[in-house]
Amino acid sequence: MPSLAVPGAELFYESDGRASAPALLLIPAGIATLRMWDAQVEALAADHLVVRYDPRGFGATRHDPGVPFSNHADALAVLDHLGVERATLVGASRGGRIALDAALAAPDRISGLVAIGAEPSGSPELPRSDEEARRFDELERLDPAVDARRLVRSETTLWATGPLRLEHELDPHFVRRAHELNEPNIAHAADDGTIVPLEPPAFERLGDIRCPVLVMVGEHDVGSTRWHAEHLLEVLPDARGYSFADAAHLPTVERRDEFLRTLLDWLGERGL
């Protein structure tokens, strides 16, 4: 199992494809691990070096919660370790926030960026619908130190299903897979550690991101995430949007073929 030693952590990563091919760095959502990209890696690796890793506090990565760290610095460290000078970053949700931060911290290293259901660092708190407020209040009452399993399963249900859909109405294979992807994070539910934020945060300087960006979002995602997708399209200098008609926060899993097709088309059009 390959891992990269960085101060306070061992980052678990995988790579597929030719080292000389254009590089993609895949960063998972906060309700998943690098396994969320399993269905797309083979097709992407036909023409790319595909690198994916588990950030600290997720999956198979091990870390000391007492050591402060920067998520975007970890992402760049993975590229450094593999000798990748430039890459297109593909980040889902929390991974999309990390990708946006990395694009601002090291613009010369980033060829392109795909932000899937991403809210930039430093984003303002937005109002929620009554149903969203009720669901998030339920989550906030759960203590990870008391019942981490229940908390993680509840997070998956809210985000992967969406606040206005019901699990039993969805494809049972997708629902089962969504919970499988988040289950390894139960062990990390209380050990996020101290994250050193990007300063100034991304929200204040999104217009400085000059690389091409593909902004993707599910139409059943929470309202704030859909708002941020629209905001990214308004302020990013070179951005294109794509909405998944039948997905919430995990379109890469729920609509995996549609996601792969859209991503490959965009990469081809942009020469990435």
Protein backbone atom coordinates (compact mmCIF):
# COMPACT_ATOMS: atom_id res chain seq x y z
CA MET A 1 0.00 0.00 0.00
CA PRO A 2 1.87 3.13 -1.17
CA SER A 3 2.09 6.03 1.24
CA LEU A 4 3.88 9.36 1.42
CA ALA A 5 5.42 10.47 4.71
CA VAL A 6 4.80 14.15 5.44
CA PRO A 7 5.13 15.94 8.79
CA GLY A 8 2.54 14.34 11.08
CA ALA A 9 1.06 11.93 8.56
CA GLU A 10 1.37 9.12 6.04
CA LEU A 11 -0.79 9.95 3.01
CA PHE A 12 -2.20 6.89 1.28
CA TYR A 13 -2.23 7.27 -2.49
CA GLU A 14 -2.56 5.28 -5.71
CA SER A 15 -1.42 6.01 -9.25
CA ASP A 16 -2.38 4.49 -12.59
CA GLY A 17 -1.30 5.15 -16.16
CA ARG A 18 1.92 6.29 -17.80
CA ALA A 19 4.16 8.66 -15.88
CA SER A 20 4.72 10.66 -19.08
CA ALA A 21 0.99 11.24 -19.72
CA PRO A 22 -0.89 14.40 -18.65
CA ALA A 23 -1.59 14.13 -14.94
CA LEU A 24 -4.90 14.16 -13.07
CA LEU A 25 -5.05 14.46 -9.28
CA LEU A 26 -8.37 13.16 -7.92
CA ILE A 27 -9.37 14.41 -4.44
CA PRO A 28 -12.38 12.75 -2.77
CA ALA A 29 -15.42 14.18 -1.04
CA GLY A 30 -15.64 14.36 2.74
CA ILE A 31 -18.18 11.51 2.72
CA ALA A 32 -15.89 9.17 0.79
CA THR A 33 -12.32 8.01 0.18
CA LEU A 34 -10.19 7.66 -2.93
CA ARG A 35 -12.28 4.57 -3.72
CA MET A 36 -15.02 6.91 -4.97
CA TRP A 37 -13.12 7.16 -8.27
CA ASP A 38 -12.81 3.39 -8.82
CA ALA A 39 -15.33 3.29 -11.68
CA GLN A 40 -13.51 5.96 -13.71
CA VAL A 41 -9.81 5.24 -13.14
CA GLU A 42 -9.33 2.64 -15.88
CA ALA A 43 -10.82 4.86 -18.60
CA LEU A 44 -8.99 7.96 -17.38
CA ALA A 45 -5.66 6.12 -17.15
CA ALA A 46 -5.79 5.21 -20.84
CA ASP A 47 -4.52 8.71 -21.68
CA HIS A 48 -3.51 10.16 -18.29
CA LEU A 49 -1.43 9.56 -15.23
CA VAL A 50 -4.19 9.25 -12.64
CA VAL A 51 -3.20 10.00 -9.04
CA ARG A 52 -5.61 9.84 -6.12
CA TYR A 53 -5.10 10.05 -2.37
CA ASP A 54 -6.92 10.12 0.95
CA PRO A 55 -6.58 13.49 2.74
CA ARG A 56 -5.82 13.53 6.45
CA GLY A 57 -8.77 12.35 8.51
CA PHE A 58 -10.06 10.07 5.76
CA GLY A 59 -9.67 6.57 4.39
CA ALA A 60 -6.36 4.78 4.78
CA THR A 61 -4.28 7.88 5.50
CA ARG A 62 -2.83 7.96 9.01
CA HIS A 63 -2.08 11.19 10.82
CA ASP A 64 -1.36 12.74 14.19
CA PRO A 65 -4.27 15.10 14.99
CA GLY A 66 -1.91 17.18 17.10
CA VAL A 67 0.21 18.27 14.14
CA PRO A 68 -1.22 21.28 12.23
CA PHE A 69 -1.36 20.84 8.47
CA SER A 70 -2.47 22.40 5.21
CA ASN A 71 -4.69 20.33 2.93
CA HIS A 72 -3.60 22.09 -0.24
CA ALA A 73 0.06 21.64 0.73
CA ASP A 74 -0.56 17.90 1.14
CA ALA A 75 -2.10 17.75 -2.35
CA LEU A 76 0.94 19.45 -3.85
CA ALA A 77 3.25 17.17 -1.83
CA VAL A 78 1.67 14.13 -3.50
CA LEU A 79 2.43 15.63 -6.91
CA ASP A 80 5.99 16.43 -5.82
CA HIS A 81 6.50 12.88 -4.59
CA LEU A 82 5.56 11.48 -8.00
CA GLY A 83 7.58 14.05 -9.94
CA VAL A 84 4.49 15.70 -11.44
CA GLU A 85 5.17 19.31 -12.39
CA ARG A 86 1.64 20.19 -13.56
CA ALA A 87 -1.71 18.49 -13.16
CA THR A 88 -5.42 18.94 -13.62
CA LEU A 89 -7.12 18.72 -10.24
CA VAL A 90 -10.47 16.96 -9.94
CA GLY A 91 -12.05 17.54 -6.54
CA ALA A 92 -15.44 16.57 -5.14
CA SER A 93 -17.01 18.62 -2.34
CA ARG A 94 -14.29 18.97 0.31
CA GLY A 95 -11.84 17.79 -2.35
CA GLY A 96 -13.02 20.59 -4.60
CA ARG A 97 -12.28 23.13 -1.87
CA ILE A 98 -8.78 21.69 -1.56
CA ALA A 99 -8.34 21.88 -5.35
CA LEU A 100 -9.41 25.54 -5.44
CA ASP A 101 -6.98 26.37 -2.64
CA ALA A 102 -4.15 24.55 -4.43
CA ALA A 103 -4.87 26.42 -7.66
CA LEU A 104 -4.45 29.72 -5.80
CA ALA A 105 -1.43 28.61 -3.76
CA ALA A 106 0.49 27.22 -6.76
CA PRO A 107 -1.06 28.46 -10.03
CA ASP A 108 1.98 27.41 -12.05
CA ARG A 109 1.35 23.78 -11.04
CA ILE A 110 -2.29 23.57 -12.11
CA SER A 111 -3.28 22.98 -15.75
CA GLY A 112 -7.02 22.77 -15.14
CA LEU A 113 -9.56 22.24 -12.38
CA VAL A 114 -12.81 20.32 -11.97
CA ALA A 115 -14.91 21.38 -8.97
CA ILE A 116 -17.79 19.01 -8.16
CA GLY A 117 -20.26 20.25 -5.55
CA ALA A 118 -17.53 22.46 -4.10
CA GLU A 119 -17.79 25.39 -1.71
CA PRO A 120 -14.61 27.54 -1.68
CA SER A 121 -12.70 28.14 1.53
CA GLY A 122 -13.83 31.28 3.33
CA SER A 123 -17.36 31.09 1.91
CA PRO A 124 -20.06 32.99 3.77
CA GLU A 125 -22.70 31.05 5.66
CA LEU A 126 -25.85 30.96 3.55
CA PRO A 127 -29.45 30.56 4.71
CA ARG A 128 -30.95 27.07 4.56
CA SER A 129 -34.44 25.92 3.75
CA ASP A 130 -36.53 24.73 6.69
CA GLU A 131 -35.95 21.08 5.76
CA GLU A 132 -32.22 21.57 5.31
CA ALA A 133 -32.01 23.37 8.66
CA ARG A 134 -33.84 20.53 10.38
CA ARG A 135 -31.59 17.88 8.82
CA PHE A 136 -28.35 19.72 9.63
CA ASP A 137 -29.52 20.41 13.18
CA GLU A 138 -29.99 16.66 13.62
CA LEU A 139 -26.43 16.06 12.43
CA GLU A 140 -24.95 18.69 14.72
CA ARG A 141 -26.56 17.02 17.74
CA LEU A 142 -24.62 13.80 17.08
CA ASP A 143 -21.31 13.52 18.95
CA PRO A 144 -18.57 11.68 17.00
CA ALA A 145 -16.98 10.63 20.29
CA VAL A 146 -20.23 8.94 21.37
CA ASP A 147 -21.63 7.40 18.18
CA ALA A 148 -19.32 7.91 15.21
CA ARG A 149 -21.04 5.23 13.14
CA ARG A 150 -24.45 6.87 13.42
CA LEU A 151 -22.97 10.29 12.61
CA VAL A 152 -21.17 9.04 9.50
CA ARG A 153 -24.21 7.13 8.22
CA SER A 154 -26.43 10.18 8.82
CA GLU A 155 -23.98 12.41 6.93
CA THR A 156 -24.01 10.01 4.01
CA THR A 157 -27.79 9.85 3.96
CA LEU A 158 -28.15 13.65 3.92
CA TRP A 159 -25.46 14.48 1.39
CA ALA A 160 -25.63 11.52 -1.00
CA THR A 161 -29.43 11.44 -1.06
CA GLY A 162 -30.03 15.18 -0.89
CA PRO A 163 -32.34 16.96 1.55
CA LEU A 164 -35.49 16.51 -0.53
CA ARG A 165 -35.11 12.87 -1.68
CA LEU A 166 -35.61 9.63 0.23
CA GLU A 167 -33.11 6.78 0.23
CA HIS A 168 -35.69 4.08 -0.41
CA GLU A 169 -36.71 5.84 -3.64
CA LEU A 170 -33.17 5.69 -5.08
CA ASP A 171 -31.18 2.93 -6.75
CA PRO A 172 -30.31 0.56 -3.86
CA HIS A 173 -26.91 -0.19 -5.42
CA PHE A 174 -26.03 3.51 -5.30
CA VAL A 175 -27.26 3.89 -1.72
CA ARG A 176 -25.25 0.87 -0.61
CA ARG A 177 -22.14 2.11 -2.40
CA ALA A 178 -22.47 5.59 -0.90
CA HIS A 179 -22.46 4.14 2.61
CA GLU A 180 -19.57 1.80 1.77
CA LEU A 181 -17.48 4.75 0.62
CA ASN A 182 -17.92 6.66 3.87
CA GLU A 183 -17.64 3.71 6.25
CA PRO A 184 -13.80 3.81 6.50
CA ASN A 185 -14.13 7.38 7.78
CA ILE A 186 -15.90 6.22 10.94
CA ALA A 187 -12.47 5.60 12.45
CA HIS A 188 -11.54 9.24 11.80
CA ALA A 189 -14.80 10.91 12.84
CA ALA A 190 -13.22 12.71 15.78
CA ASP A 191 -9.68 13.33 14.51
CA ASP A 192 -9.78 16.01 11.81
CA GLY A 193 -6.89 17.82 13.50
CA THR A 194 -5.85 21.45 13.14
CA ILE A 195 -6.07 22.66 9.54
CA VAL A 196 -3.97 25.68 8.57
CA PRO A 197 -6.24 27.62 6.19
CA LEU A 198 -5.28 29.33 2.97
CA GLU A 199 -4.86 33.07 3.55
CA PRO A 200 -6.56 35.00 2.13
CA PRO A 201 -9.22 32.31 1.57
CA ALA A 202 -10.30 31.25 -1.89
CA PHE A 203 -13.74 32.90 -1.84
CA GLU A 204 -12.14 36.35 -1.77
CA ARG A 205 -9.96 35.80 -4.85
CA LEU A 206 -11.63 33.29 -7.14
CA GLY A 207 -11.08 35.69 -10.03
CA ASP A 208 -7.34 35.01 -9.74
CA ILE A 209 -7.81 31.41 -10.92
CA ARG A 210 -6.86 31.60 -14.59
CA CYS A 211 -6.79 27.93 -15.56
CA PRO A 212 -9.85 26.39 -17.25
CA VAL A 213 -12.43 25.14 -14.73
CA LEU A 214 -15.32 22.72 -15.08
CA VAL A 215 -17.96 23.37 -12.41
CA MET A 216 -20.27 20.40 -11.76
CA VAL A 217 -23.20 20.06 -9.39
CA GLY A 218 -26.19 17.80 -8.79
CA GLU A 219 -29.60 19.39 -9.04
CA HIS A 220 -30.66 17.66 -5.79
CA ASP A 221 -27.66 18.92 -3.79
CA VAL A 222 -28.16 21.26 -0.84
CA GLY A 223 -29.06 24.85 -1.68
CA SER A 224 -25.75 26.37 -0.58
CA THR A 225 -23.75 24.03 -2.81
CA ARG A 226 -25.91 24.87 -5.81
CA TRP A 227 -25.51 28.58 -5.04
CA HIS A 228 -21.74 28.22 -4.93
CA ALA A 229 -21.74 26.44 -8.29
CA GLU A 230 -23.53 29.42 -9.82
CA HIS A 231 -21.16 31.81 -8.07
CA LEU A 232 -18.09 29.99 -9.36
CA LEU A 233 -19.44 30.25 -12.91
CA GLU A 234 -20.00 33.99 -12.46
CA VAL A 235 -16.58 34.91 -11.07
CA LEU A 236 -14.10 32.41 -12.55
CA PRO A 237 -12.55 33.85 -15.73
CA ASP A 238 -12.60 30.56 -17.70
CA ALA A 239 -15.36 28.29 -16.41
CA ARG A 240 -17.97 25.98 -17.84
CA GLY A 241 -20.87 24.48 -15.89
CA TYR A 242 -22.59 21.11 -15.91
CA SER A 243 -25.62 20.06 -13.85
CA PHE A 244 -26.63 16.44 -13.19
CA ALA A 245 -30.39 16.17 -13.43
CA ASP A 246 -30.71 13.05 -11.24
CA ALA A 247 -28.02 13.36 -8.58
CA ALA A 248 -27.20 15.09 -5.31
CA HIS A 249 -23.72 15.42 -3.78
CA LEU A 250 -22.09 12.32 -5.34
CA PRO A 251 -22.74 12.54 -9.09
CA THR A 252 -19.40 10.78 -9.69
CA VAL A 253 -20.97 7.70 -8.09
CA GLU A 254 -24.69 8.10 -8.77
CA ARG A 255 -24.20 9.09 -12.43
CA ARG A 256 -20.75 7.66 -12.94
CA ASP A 257 -20.97 7.08 -16.71
CA GLU A 258 -22.41 10.53 -17.35
CA PHE A 259 -19.71 12.04 -15.16
CA LEU A 260 -16.93 10.18 -16.96
CA ARG A 261 -18.24 11.11 -20.40
CA THR A 262 -18.58 14.79 -19.47
CA LEU A 263 -15.14 14.90 -17.88
CA LEU A 264 -13.41 13.20 -20.82
CA ASP A 265 -15.13 15.50 -23.30
CA TRP A 266 -13.98 18.57 -21.37
CA LEU A 267 -10.44 17.31 -20.96
CA GLY A 268 -10.26 16.61 -24.68
CA GLU A 269 -11.64 20.00 -25.67
CA ARG A 270 -9.17 21.78 -23.40
CA GLY A 271 -6.20 19.63 -24.37
CA LEU A 272 -5.68 18.47 -20.78
